[in-house]
Amino acid sequence: MDNDVSAGSSTSASASTLGHLALGLTLLAFGLGHTGALSGVTVASAVTVALFVGGITLFVAGLLEFRSGNSFNGTAFAGLGAFWFTWGTVAGDGGVVPADAAGLFLLLWALLALSLTLGAAGGGQLAQVMYGLLFVALLLLGIAQFADAATLGKVAGWVAALSGLVAWYGATAAWAKWPTALPGRAAGGRGVTATG
């Protein structure tokens, strides 16, 4: 195998793993902050993680993915890095954002998560589930902001945390050689499999 190809694959795998770990940890902190399940842990507790791990680390991982030729992960990580950096900056400033503006912000970023969900269809079920859960979480959080519905915000927090667990599992599975395919039957029941 050509050394350049092998080095490129290793870099891409490392950047992908780094991106999924950063996304997973950020979503866990953000989601658990919304649930109120841990005493003293609030959404504000996730600001530093969102700014540096979710914002900067994801953005850098996205640039590395673009460099290695993986435009999907590059777009996903750089786009989500921009989201987390923006959210962390605004939330970290202590500035009060009107609920409708926060709701619109979350709904607009939910559109990115929806695009990533649809785009991940060819890249594996685990990625599609992860981005799908992120879409649902952002959609519910946006609606909760508009409706001033704290309970809906807590539900969205659990969905975000679940998405974070899926992202973390995907990154860890890449290192540990754990399975990443979801169990299921062949497509449409016609005997079509991944190998033929």
N, C-alpha and C. Protein backbone atom coordinates (compact mmCIF):
# COMPACT_ATOMS: atom_id res chain seq x y z
N MET A 1 0.85 -1.18 0.00
CA MET A 1 0.00 0.00 0.00
C MET A 1 0.88 1.23 0.00
N ASP A 2 0.52 2.22 -0.76
CA ASP A 2 1.25 3.47 -0.86
C ASP A 2 1.24 4.18 0.50
N ASN A 3 2.40 4.68 0.92
CA ASN A 3 2.49 5.36 2.22
C ASN A 3 1.61 6.60 2.28
N ASP A 4 1.51 7.33 1.16
CA ASP A 4 0.67 8.53 1.17
C ASP A 4 -0.80 8.17 1.37
N VAL A 5 -1.22 7.10 0.73
CA VAL A 5 -2.61 6.68 0.88
C VAL A 5 -2.86 6.23 2.31
N SER A 6 -1.93 5.45 2.84
CA SER A 6 -2.12 4.96 4.20
C SER A 6 -2.09 6.10 5.20
N ALA A 7 -1.22 7.07 5.01
CA ALA A 7 -1.17 8.21 5.93
C ALA A 7 -2.44 9.03 5.82
N GLY A 8 -2.94 9.19 4.60
CA GLY A 8 -4.18 9.95 4.41
C GLY A 8 -5.35 9.28 5.08
N SER A 9 -5.43 7.96 4.97
CA SER A 9 -6.51 7.22 5.59
C SER A 9 -6.44 7.34 7.10
N SER A 10 -5.22 7.26 7.64
CA SER A 10 -5.04 7.36 9.08
C SER A 10 -5.43 8.75 9.57
N THR A 11 -5.04 9.78 8.83
CA THR A 11 -5.40 11.15 9.21
C THR A 11 -6.91 11.32 9.17
N SER A 12 -7.54 10.81 8.12
CA SER A 12 -8.99 10.95 8.00
C SER A 12 -9.69 10.21 9.13
N ALA A 13 -9.24 9.00 9.42
CA ALA A 13 -9.86 8.24 10.50
C ALA A 13 -9.68 8.95 11.83
N SER A 14 -8.52 9.51 12.06
CA SER A 14 -8.26 10.23 13.31
C SER A 14 -9.12 11.49 13.41
N ALA A 15 -9.22 12.23 12.31
CA ALA A 15 -10.03 13.45 12.32
C ALA A 15 -11.50 13.10 12.51
N SER A 16 -11.95 12.01 11.88
CA SER A 16 -13.33 11.58 12.03
C SER A 16 -13.61 11.17 13.48
N THR A 17 -12.68 10.41 14.05
CA THR A 17 -12.84 9.98 15.44
C THR A 17 -12.84 11.18 16.37
N LEU A 18 -11.91 12.09 16.16
CA LEU A 18 -11.85 13.31 16.97
C LEU A 18 -13.15 14.09 16.85
N GLY A 19 -13.65 14.25 15.63
CA GLY A 19 -14.90 14.98 15.43
C GLY A 19 -16.08 14.34 16.13
N HIS A 20 -16.18 13.02 16.03
CA HIS A 20 -17.30 12.34 16.68
C HIS A 20 -17.18 12.37 18.20
N LEU A 21 -15.95 12.27 18.72
CA LEU A 21 -15.77 12.40 20.17
C LEU A 21 -16.15 13.80 20.65
N ALA A 22 -15.70 14.82 19.93
CA ALA A 22 -16.01 16.20 20.30
C ALA A 22 -17.52 16.44 20.25
N LEU A 23 -18.16 15.95 19.20
CA LEU A 23 -19.60 16.11 19.08
C LEU A 23 -20.32 15.36 20.20
N GLY A 24 -19.88 14.14 20.47
CA GLY A 24 -20.51 13.33 21.51
C GLY A 24 -20.42 13.97 22.88
N LEU A 25 -19.22 14.42 23.26
CA LEU A 25 -19.04 15.04 24.57
C LEU A 25 -19.84 16.34 24.69
N THR A 26 -19.84 17.12 23.63
CA THR A 26 -20.58 18.38 23.66
C THR A 26 -22.08 18.13 23.79
N LEU A 27 -22.59 17.19 23.00
CA LEU A 27 -24.02 16.88 23.08
C LEU A 27 -24.41 16.31 24.44
N LEU A 28 -23.54 15.49 25.02
CA LEU A 28 -23.83 14.97 26.36
C LEU A 28 -23.91 16.10 27.38
N ALA A 29 -22.95 17.01 27.36
CA ALA A 29 -22.96 18.13 28.31
C ALA A 29 -24.17 19.03 28.08
N PHE A 30 -24.43 19.38 26.84
CA PHE A 30 -25.54 20.24 26.47
C PHE A 30 -26.88 19.58 26.82
N GLY A 31 -27.02 18.30 26.45
CA GLY A 31 -28.27 17.58 26.70
C GLY A 31 -28.55 17.40 28.18
N LEU A 32 -27.54 16.93 28.92
CA LEU A 32 -27.74 16.73 30.35
C LEU A 32 -28.00 18.05 31.07
N GLY A 33 -27.42 19.14 30.57
CA GLY A 33 -27.69 20.45 31.14
C GLY A 33 -29.16 20.84 31.00
N HIS A 34 -29.77 20.44 29.90
CA HIS A 34 -31.19 20.74 29.68
C HIS A 34 -32.13 19.86 30.50
N THR A 35 -31.68 18.66 30.84
CA THR A 35 -32.58 17.73 31.53
C THR A 35 -32.81 18.09 32.99
N GLY A 36 -31.82 18.69 33.62
CA GLY A 36 -31.93 18.98 35.04
C GLY A 36 -31.79 17.72 35.89
N ALA A 37 -31.32 16.63 35.29
CA ALA A 37 -31.22 15.35 36.00
C ALA A 37 -30.08 15.32 37.02
N LEU A 38 -29.05 16.14 36.80
CA LEU A 38 -27.92 16.17 37.72
C LEU A 38 -27.97 17.46 38.52
N SER A 39 -27.92 17.33 39.83
CA SER A 39 -28.02 18.48 40.71
C SER A 39 -26.90 19.48 40.42
N GLY A 40 -27.26 20.72 40.20
CA GLY A 40 -26.29 21.78 39.96
C GLY A 40 -25.76 21.86 38.54
N VAL A 41 -26.17 20.94 37.67
CA VAL A 41 -25.73 20.98 36.27
C VAL A 41 -26.83 21.60 35.44
N THR A 42 -26.51 22.72 34.82
CA THR A 42 -27.48 23.43 33.99
C THR A 42 -26.93 23.58 32.58
N VAL A 43 -27.71 24.18 31.73
CA VAL A 43 -27.27 24.45 30.37
C VAL A 43 -26.02 25.34 30.39
N ALA A 44 -25.97 26.28 31.32
CA ALA A 44 -24.81 27.17 31.43
C ALA A 44 -23.53 26.38 31.73
N SER A 45 -23.68 25.21 32.36
CA SER A 45 -22.52 24.37 32.67
C SER A 45 -21.86 23.85 31.39
N ALA A 46 -22.59 23.81 30.30
CA ALA A 46 -22.08 23.27 29.03
C ALA A 46 -21.40 24.31 28.16
N VAL A 47 -21.40 25.57 28.58
CA VAL A 47 -20.88 26.63 27.73
C VAL A 47 -19.41 26.43 27.36
N THR A 48 -18.57 26.14 28.33
CA THR A 48 -17.14 25.97 28.05
C THR A 48 -16.90 24.78 27.14
N VAL A 49 -17.59 23.68 27.40
CA VAL A 49 -17.45 22.50 26.53
C VAL A 49 -17.92 22.85 25.13
N ALA A 50 -19.06 23.54 25.02
CA ALA A 50 -19.60 23.89 23.71
C ALA A 50 -18.64 24.81 22.94
N LEU A 51 -18.07 25.77 23.62
CA LEU A 51 -17.21 26.74 22.96
C LEU A 51 -15.92 26.11 22.47
N PHE A 52 -15.23 25.38 23.34
CA PHE A 52 -13.91 24.87 22.98
C PHE A 52 -13.94 23.48 22.35
N VAL A 53 -14.68 22.55 22.94
CA VAL A 53 -14.71 21.20 22.39
C VAL A 53 -15.64 21.14 21.19
N GLY A 54 -16.86 21.63 21.37
CA GLY A 54 -17.82 21.61 20.27
C GLY A 54 -17.52 22.62 19.18
N GLY A 55 -17.06 23.79 19.56
CA GLY A 55 -16.82 24.83 18.57
C GLY A 55 -15.47 24.69 17.88
N ILE A 56 -14.42 24.89 18.62
CA ILE A 56 -13.09 24.93 18.03
C ILE A 56 -12.63 23.54 17.57
N THR A 57 -12.75 22.53 18.42
CA THR A 57 -12.27 21.20 18.06
C THR A 57 -13.04 20.64 16.87
N LEU A 58 -14.36 20.77 16.87
CA LEU A 58 -15.14 20.28 15.74
C LEU A 58 -14.79 21.02 14.45
N PHE A 59 -14.60 22.33 14.53
CA PHE A 59 -14.26 23.10 13.34
C PHE A 59 -12.92 22.64 12.77
N VAL A 60 -11.92 22.45 13.64
CA VAL A 60 -10.61 21.98 13.19
C VAL A 60 -10.72 20.58 12.59
N ALA A 61 -11.49 19.70 13.23
CA ALA A 61 -11.70 18.35 12.68
C ALA A 61 -12.35 18.44 11.31
N GLY A 62 -13.28 19.38 11.14
CA GLY A 62 -13.91 19.58 9.83
C GLY A 62 -12.90 20.00 8.78
N LEU A 63 -12.01 20.92 9.13
CA LEU A 63 -10.98 21.34 8.17
C LEU A 63 -10.06 20.17 7.80
N LEU A 64 -9.72 19.33 8.78
CA LEU A 64 -8.89 18.16 8.50
C LEU A 64 -9.62 17.17 7.60
N GLU A 65 -10.91 17.04 7.79
CA GLU A 65 -11.69 16.15 6.94
C GLU A 65 -11.77 16.69 5.51
N PHE A 66 -11.94 18.00 5.36
CA PHE A 66 -11.92 18.59 4.02
C PHE A 66 -10.58 18.33 3.35
N ARG A 67 -9.51 18.49 4.11
CA ARG A 67 -8.15 18.29 3.58
C ARG A 67 -7.94 16.86 3.09
N SER A 68 -8.54 15.89 3.82
CA SER A 68 -8.38 14.49 3.43
C SER A 68 -9.36 14.07 2.33
N GLY A 69 -10.25 14.99 1.91
CA GLY A 69 -11.18 14.69 0.83
C GLY A 69 -12.55 14.20 1.27
N ASN A 70 -12.83 14.21 2.57
CA ASN A 70 -14.13 13.78 3.07
C ASN A 70 -15.02 15.01 3.24
N SER A 71 -15.72 15.36 2.18
CA SER A 71 -16.52 16.59 2.21
C SER A 71 -17.73 16.48 3.14
N PHE A 72 -18.30 15.27 3.30
CA PHE A 72 -19.46 15.15 4.19
C PHE A 72 -19.07 15.43 5.63
N ASN A 73 -18.04 14.71 6.14
CA ASN A 73 -17.61 14.96 7.52
C ASN A 73 -17.06 16.37 7.66
N GLY A 74 -16.40 16.88 6.64
CA GLY A 74 -15.89 18.25 6.69
C GLY A 74 -17.02 19.24 6.89
N THR A 75 -18.08 19.08 6.10
CA THR A 75 -19.24 19.96 6.22
C THR A 75 -19.92 19.78 7.58
N ALA A 76 -20.10 18.52 7.99
CA ALA A 76 -20.77 18.25 9.26
C ALA A 76 -20.00 18.86 10.43
N PHE A 77 -18.71 18.58 10.52
CA PHE A 77 -17.93 19.04 11.66
C PHE A 77 -17.72 20.55 11.64
N ALA A 78 -17.40 21.12 10.48
CA ALA A 78 -17.20 22.58 10.42
C ALA A 78 -18.51 23.31 10.68
N GLY A 79 -19.61 22.81 10.12
CA GLY A 79 -20.91 23.45 10.33
C GLY A 79 -21.35 23.37 11.78
N LEU A 80 -21.22 22.17 12.37
CA LEU A 80 -21.60 22.02 13.78
C LEU A 80 -20.63 22.75 14.70
N GLY A 81 -19.37 22.85 14.30
CA GLY A 81 -18.41 23.65 15.06
C GLY A 81 -18.83 25.11 15.09
N ALA A 82 -19.31 25.62 13.96
CA ALA A 82 -19.80 27.00 13.90
C ALA A 82 -21.02 27.17 14.81
N PHE A 83 -21.91 26.17 14.80
CA PHE A 83 -23.09 26.22 15.67
C PHE A 83 -22.67 26.29 17.13
N TRP A 84 -21.82 25.36 17.57
CA TRP A 84 -21.43 25.32 18.98
C TRP A 84 -20.65 26.54 19.40
N PHE A 85 -19.78 27.04 18.51
CA PHE A 85 -19.02 28.24 18.84
C PHE A 85 -19.95 29.43 19.02
N THR A 86 -20.91 29.57 18.12
CA THR A 86 -21.87 30.68 18.21
C THR A 86 -22.71 30.55 19.47
N TRP A 87 -23.24 29.35 19.72
CA TRP A 87 -24.07 29.15 20.91
C TRP A 87 -23.26 29.40 22.18
N GLY A 88 -22.03 28.87 22.25
CA GLY A 88 -21.19 29.04 23.43
C GLY A 88 -20.80 30.48 23.67
N THR A 89 -20.56 31.21 22.59
CA THR A 89 -20.19 32.63 22.71
C THR A 89 -21.37 33.45 23.25
N VAL A 90 -22.54 33.24 22.67
CA VAL A 90 -23.72 34.00 23.10
C VAL A 90 -24.12 33.61 24.52
N ALA A 91 -24.17 32.33 24.80
CA ALA A 91 -24.57 31.86 26.14
C ALA A 91 -23.51 32.23 27.18
N GLY A 92 -22.25 32.24 26.78
CA GLY A 92 -21.16 32.55 27.71
C GLY A 92 -21.07 34.02 28.06
N ASP A 93 -21.59 34.88 27.19
CA ASP A 93 -21.56 36.31 27.46
C ASP A 93 -22.57 36.71 28.54
N GLY A 94 -23.44 35.78 28.88
CA GLY A 94 -24.45 36.08 29.89
C GLY A 94 -25.55 36.97 29.36
N GLY A 95 -25.48 37.26 28.06
CA GLY A 95 -26.50 38.08 27.45
C GLY A 95 -27.82 37.34 27.37
N VAL A 96 -28.87 38.06 27.58
CA VAL A 96 -30.19 37.45 27.51
C VAL A 96 -30.67 37.55 26.06
N VAL A 97 -30.97 36.41 25.50
CA VAL A 97 -31.48 36.35 24.13
C VAL A 97 -32.98 36.13 24.22
N PRO A 98 -33.77 36.94 23.51
CA PRO A 98 -35.22 36.72 23.53
C PRO A 98 -35.55 35.29 23.11
N ALA A 99 -36.57 34.71 23.73
CA ALA A 99 -36.94 33.31 23.49
C ALA A 99 -37.22 33.04 22.01
N ASP A 100 -37.89 33.98 21.35
CA ASP A 100 -38.20 33.77 19.92
C ASP A 100 -36.93 33.77 19.08
N ALA A 101 -35.95 34.61 19.41
CA ALA A 101 -34.69 34.62 18.68
C ALA A 101 -33.93 33.33 18.91
N ALA A 102 -33.93 32.84 20.15
CA ALA A 102 -33.27 31.57 20.47
C ALA A 102 -33.97 30.43 19.75
N GLY A 103 -35.28 30.45 19.72
CA GLY A 103 -36.04 29.42 19.01
C GLY A 103 -35.73 29.39 17.53
N LEU A 104 -35.68 30.57 16.92
CA LEU A 104 -35.35 30.65 15.49
C LEU A 104 -33.94 30.14 15.24
N PHE A 105 -32.98 30.53 16.09
CA PHE A 105 -31.60 30.06 15.97
C PHE A 105 -31.55 28.54 15.98
N LEU A 106 -32.23 27.92 16.93
CA LEU A 106 -32.23 26.46 17.05
C LEU A 106 -32.92 25.79 15.86
N LEU A 107 -34.01 26.36 15.39
CA LEU A 107 -34.70 25.78 14.24
C LEU A 107 -33.87 25.88 12.97
N LEU A 108 -33.15 26.98 12.80
CA LEU A 108 -32.30 27.11 11.61
C LEU A 108 -31.18 26.07 11.63
N TRP A 109 -30.59 25.84 12.80
CA TRP A 109 -29.54 24.83 12.89
C TRP A 109 -30.12 23.42 12.81
N ALA A 110 -31.39 23.26 13.18
CA ALA A 110 -32.04 21.96 13.00
C ALA A 110 -32.09 21.60 11.52
N LEU A 111 -32.20 22.61 10.66
CA LEU A 111 -32.17 22.35 9.22
C LEU A 111 -30.84 21.75 8.78
N LEU A 112 -29.74 22.24 9.35
CA LEU A 112 -28.43 21.65 9.05
C LEU A 112 -28.42 20.19 9.51
N ALA A 113 -28.92 19.93 10.71
CA ALA A 113 -28.95 18.56 11.22
C ALA A 113 -29.82 17.67 10.34
N LEU A 114 -30.92 18.21 9.81
CA LEU A 114 -31.77 17.44 8.90
C LEU A 114 -31.01 17.12 7.61
N SER A 115 -30.31 18.10 7.07
CA SER A 115 -29.50 17.86 5.86
C SER A 115 -28.44 16.80 6.12
N LEU A 116 -27.81 16.85 7.30
CA LEU A 116 -26.80 15.85 7.65
C LEU A 116 -27.43 14.47 7.80
N THR A 117 -28.63 14.41 8.35
CA THR A 117 -29.34 13.13 8.48
C THR A 117 -29.58 12.52 7.12
N LEU A 118 -30.09 13.32 6.20
CA LEU A 118 -30.37 12.83 4.85
C LEU A 118 -29.09 12.49 4.10
N GLY A 119 -28.05 13.30 4.29
CA GLY A 119 -26.77 13.07 3.63
C GLY A 119 -26.03 11.86 4.16
N ALA A 120 -26.31 11.48 5.39
CA ALA A 120 -25.62 10.33 6.00
C ALA A 120 -26.22 9.00 5.57
N ALA A 121 -27.26 9.03 4.76
CA ALA A 121 -27.94 7.80 4.35
C ALA A 121 -26.98 6.80 3.72
N GLY A 122 -26.02 7.26 2.96
CA GLY A 122 -25.09 6.34 2.33
C GLY A 122 -23.87 6.05 3.17
N GLY A 123 -23.73 6.71 4.30
CA GLY A 123 -22.53 6.57 5.11
C GLY A 123 -22.67 5.67 6.32
N GLY A 124 -23.80 5.07 6.50
CA GLY A 124 -23.97 4.17 7.64
C GLY A 124 -25.13 4.58 8.52
N GLN A 125 -25.76 3.57 9.10
CA GLN A 125 -26.95 3.81 9.92
C GLN A 125 -26.63 4.55 11.21
N LEU A 126 -25.46 4.29 11.78
CA LEU A 126 -25.12 4.92 13.06
C LEU A 126 -25.04 6.44 12.90
N ALA A 127 -24.41 6.90 11.84
CA ALA A 127 -24.32 8.34 11.59
C ALA A 127 -25.71 8.93 11.33
N GLN A 128 -26.53 8.20 10.60
CA GLN A 128 -27.87 8.70 10.31
C GLN A 128 -28.71 8.81 11.59
N VAL A 129 -28.58 7.82 12.47
CA VAL A 129 -29.30 7.87 13.75
C VAL A 129 -28.80 9.04 14.59
N MET A 130 -27.48 9.22 14.65
CA MET A 130 -26.89 10.30 15.44
C MET A 130 -27.39 11.67 14.96
N TYR A 131 -27.29 11.92 13.65
CA TYR A 131 -27.73 13.22 13.13
C TYR A 131 -29.25 13.36 13.20
N GLY A 132 -29.97 12.25 13.06
CA GLY A 132 -31.43 12.30 13.19
C GLY A 132 -31.85 12.70 14.60
N LEU A 133 -31.18 12.12 15.59
CA LEU A 133 -31.48 12.50 16.98
C LEU A 133 -31.11 13.96 17.25
N LEU A 134 -30.00 14.41 16.67
CA LEU A 134 -29.61 15.82 16.82
C LEU A 134 -30.68 16.73 16.21
N PHE A 135 -31.19 16.35 15.03
CA PHE A 135 -32.27 17.12 14.40
C PHE A 135 -33.49 17.21 15.31
N VAL A 136 -33.90 16.07 15.85
CA VAL A 136 -35.08 16.05 16.73
C VAL A 136 -34.83 16.91 17.97
N ALA A 137 -33.64 16.80 18.55
CA ALA A 137 -33.33 17.59 19.75
C ALA A 137 -33.40 19.09 19.46
N LEU A 138 -32.77 19.53 18.36
CA LEU A 138 -32.78 20.96 18.04
C LEU A 138 -34.19 21.44 17.68
N LEU A 139 -34.95 20.61 16.97
CA LEU A 139 -36.33 20.96 16.64
C LEU A 139 -37.17 21.13 17.91
N LEU A 140 -37.06 20.16 18.82
CA LEU A 140 -37.82 20.25 20.07
C LEU A 140 -37.38 21.43 20.93
N LEU A 141 -36.07 21.69 20.97
CA LEU A 141 -35.58 22.84 21.74
C LEU A 141 -36.08 24.16 21.14
N GLY A 142 -36.08 24.23 19.82
CA GLY A 142 -36.59 25.44 19.17
C GLY A 142 -38.07 25.66 19.48
N ILE A 143 -38.85 24.60 19.37
CA ILE A 143 -40.28 24.70 19.69
C ILE A 143 -40.47 25.05 21.16
N ALA A 144 -39.66 24.46 22.05
CA ALA A 144 -39.76 24.75 23.48
C ALA A 144 -39.48 26.21 23.76
N GLN A 145 -38.56 26.81 23.01
CA GLN A 145 -38.26 28.24 23.18
C GLN A 145 -39.46 29.09 22.78
N PHE A 146 -40.06 28.78 21.64
CA PHE A 146 -41.22 29.55 21.17
C PHE A 146 -42.41 29.39 22.12
N ALA A 147 -42.61 28.17 22.62
CA ALA A 147 -43.79 27.88 23.45
C ALA A 147 -43.54 28.07 24.93
N ASP A 148 -42.31 28.40 25.32
CA ASP A 148 -41.94 28.52 26.72
C ASP A 148 -42.35 27.26 27.49
N ALA A 149 -41.95 26.11 26.91
CA ALA A 149 -42.33 24.81 27.46
C ALA A 149 -41.10 24.11 28.04
N ALA A 150 -40.91 24.25 29.34
CA ALA A 150 -39.74 23.69 30.02
C ALA A 150 -39.70 22.17 29.93
N THR A 151 -40.84 21.52 30.00
CA THR A 151 -40.87 20.06 29.93
C THR A 151 -40.41 19.58 28.56
N LEU A 152 -40.83 20.24 27.51
CA LEU A 152 -40.39 19.89 26.16
C LEU A 152 -38.87 20.10 26.03
N GLY A 153 -38.36 21.14 26.68
CA GLY A 153 -36.92 21.38 26.69
C GLY A 153 -36.16 20.25 27.37
N LYS A 154 -36.73 19.69 28.44
CA LYS A 154 -36.10 18.56 29.13
C LYS A 154 -36.10 17.32 28.24
N VAL A 155 -37.21 17.08 27.55
CA VAL A 155 -37.28 15.95 26.62
C VAL A 155 -36.22 16.12 25.54
N ALA A 156 -36.10 17.32 25.01
CA ALA A 156 -35.10 17.60 23.99
C ALA A 156 -33.69 17.38 24.53
N GLY A 157 -33.48 17.71 25.80
CA GLY A 157 -32.18 17.47 26.43
C GLY A 157 -31.83 16.00 26.46
N TRP A 158 -32.81 15.15 26.76
CA TRP A 158 -32.56 13.70 26.75
C TRP A 158 -32.26 13.20 25.35
N VAL A 159 -32.95 13.74 24.36
CA VAL A 159 -32.70 13.33 22.97
C VAL A 159 -31.29 13.78 22.55
N ALA A 160 -30.89 14.99 22.94
CA ALA A 160 -29.53 15.47 22.63
C ALA A 160 -28.48 14.60 23.32
N ALA A 161 -28.72 14.24 24.57
CA ALA A 161 -27.78 13.37 25.28
C ALA A 161 -27.68 12.00 24.61
N LEU A 162 -28.80 11.48 24.15
CA LEU A 162 -28.79 10.19 23.45
C LEU A 162 -28.00 10.30 22.15
N SER A 163 -28.17 11.40 21.44
CA SER A 163 -27.39 11.63 20.22
C SER A 163 -25.90 11.69 20.56
N GLY A 164 -25.57 12.32 21.68
CA GLY A 164 -24.18 12.38 22.12
C GLY A 164 -23.62 11.01 22.43
N LEU A 165 -24.43 10.15 23.05
CA LEU A 165 -23.99 8.78 23.33
C LEU A 165 -23.74 8.00 22.04
N VAL A 166 -24.59 8.21 21.04
CA VAL A 166 -24.40 7.53 19.76
C VAL A 166 -23.10 8.01 19.10
N ALA A 167 -22.85 9.33 19.14
CA ALA A 167 -21.61 9.87 18.57
C ALA A 167 -20.39 9.33 19.30
N TRP A 168 -20.47 9.31 20.63
CA TRP A 168 -19.36 8.78 21.43
C TRP A 168 -19.14 7.31 21.10
N TYR A 169 -20.22 6.53 21.02
CA TYR A 169 -20.09 5.11 20.71
C TYR A 169 -19.43 4.92 19.35
N GLY A 170 -19.86 5.69 18.36
CA GLY A 170 -19.29 5.56 17.02
C GLY A 170 -17.79 5.81 17.01
N ALA A 171 -17.34 6.82 17.74
CA ALA A 171 -15.91 7.13 17.80
C ALA A 171 -15.16 6.04 18.55
N THR A 172 -15.71 5.60 19.66
CA THR A 172 -15.06 4.56 20.46
C THR A 172 -15.05 3.23 19.69
N ALA A 173 -16.12 2.93 18.98
CA ALA A 173 -16.20 1.70 18.20
C ALA A 173 -15.13 1.66 17.12
N ALA A 174 -14.82 2.83 16.55
CA ALA A 174 -13.77 2.87 15.52
C ALA A 174 -12.43 2.44 16.09
N TRP A 175 -12.14 2.83 17.31
CA TRP A 175 -10.89 2.44 17.97
C TRP A 175 -10.92 1.01 18.47
N ALA A 176 -12.02 0.63 19.10
CA ALA A 176 -12.12 -0.67 19.77
C ALA A 176 -12.55 -1.79 18.83
N LYS A 177 -12.83 -1.45 17.58
CA LYS A 177 -13.30 -2.43 16.58
C LYS A 177 -14.62 -3.07 16.99
N TRP A 178 -15.49 -2.27 17.60
CA TRP A 178 -16.82 -2.73 17.96
C TRP A 178 -17.73 -2.63 16.74
N PRO A 179 -18.85 -3.32 16.74
CA PRO A 179 -19.77 -3.24 15.60
C PRO A 179 -20.43 -1.86 15.51
N THR A 180 -20.65 -1.42 14.28
CA THR A 180 -21.33 -0.13 14.08
C THR A 180 -22.59 -0.29 13.24
N ALA A 181 -22.82 -1.45 12.69
CA ALA A 181 -24.04 -1.67 11.90
C ALA A 181 -25.19 -2.01 12.84
N LEU A 182 -26.32 -1.41 12.59
CA LEU A 182 -27.50 -1.69 13.39
C LEU A 182 -28.14 -2.99 12.90
N PRO A 183 -28.64 -3.81 13.81
CA PRO A 183 -29.26 -5.06 13.37
C PRO A 183 -30.53 -4.77 12.60
N GLY A 184 -30.80 -5.60 11.63
CA GLY A 184 -32.01 -5.41 10.84
C GLY A 184 -32.06 -6.43 9.73
N ARG A 185 -33.17 -6.42 9.02
CA ARG A 185 -33.30 -7.38 7.93
C ARG A 185 -32.84 -6.74 6.64
N ALA A 186 -32.77 -7.54 5.62
CA ALA A 186 -32.33 -7.07 4.31
C ALA A 186 -33.30 -6.03 3.78
N ALA A 187 -32.80 -5.16 2.92
CA ALA A 187 -33.59 -4.06 2.37
C ALA A 187 -34.82 -4.61 1.64
N GLY A 188 -35.97 -4.16 2.09
CA GLY A 188 -37.23 -4.49 1.41
C GLY A 188 -37.58 -5.97 1.45
N GLY A 189 -36.83 -6.77 2.21
CA GLY A 189 -37.14 -8.18 2.29
C GLY A 189 -36.85 -8.95 1.01
N ARG A 190 -36.06 -8.39 0.09
CA ARG A 190 -35.81 -9.03 -1.20
C ARG A 190 -34.49 -9.78 -1.22
N GLY A 191 -33.88 -9.94 -0.06
CA GLY A 191 -32.61 -10.67 -0.04
C GLY A 191 -31.42 -9.81 -0.41
N VAL A 192 -31.56 -8.51 -0.45
CA VAL A 192 -30.45 -7.61 -0.76
C VAL A 192 -29.64 -7.43 0.50
N THR A 193 -28.34 -7.60 0.40
CA THR A 193 -27.46 -7.42 1.54
C THR A 193 -26.39 -6.41 1.19
N ALA A 194 -25.62 -6.04 2.20
CA ALA A 194 -24.56 -5.06 1.98
C ALA A 194 -23.47 -5.62 1.07
N THR A 195 -23.32 -6.93 1.05
CA THR A 195 -22.25 -7.50 0.23
C THR A 195 -22.73 -7.93 -1.14
N GLY A 196 -23.98 -7.86 -1.38
CA GLY A 196 -24.39 -8.29 -2.70
C GLY A 196 -25.84 -8.27 -2.83
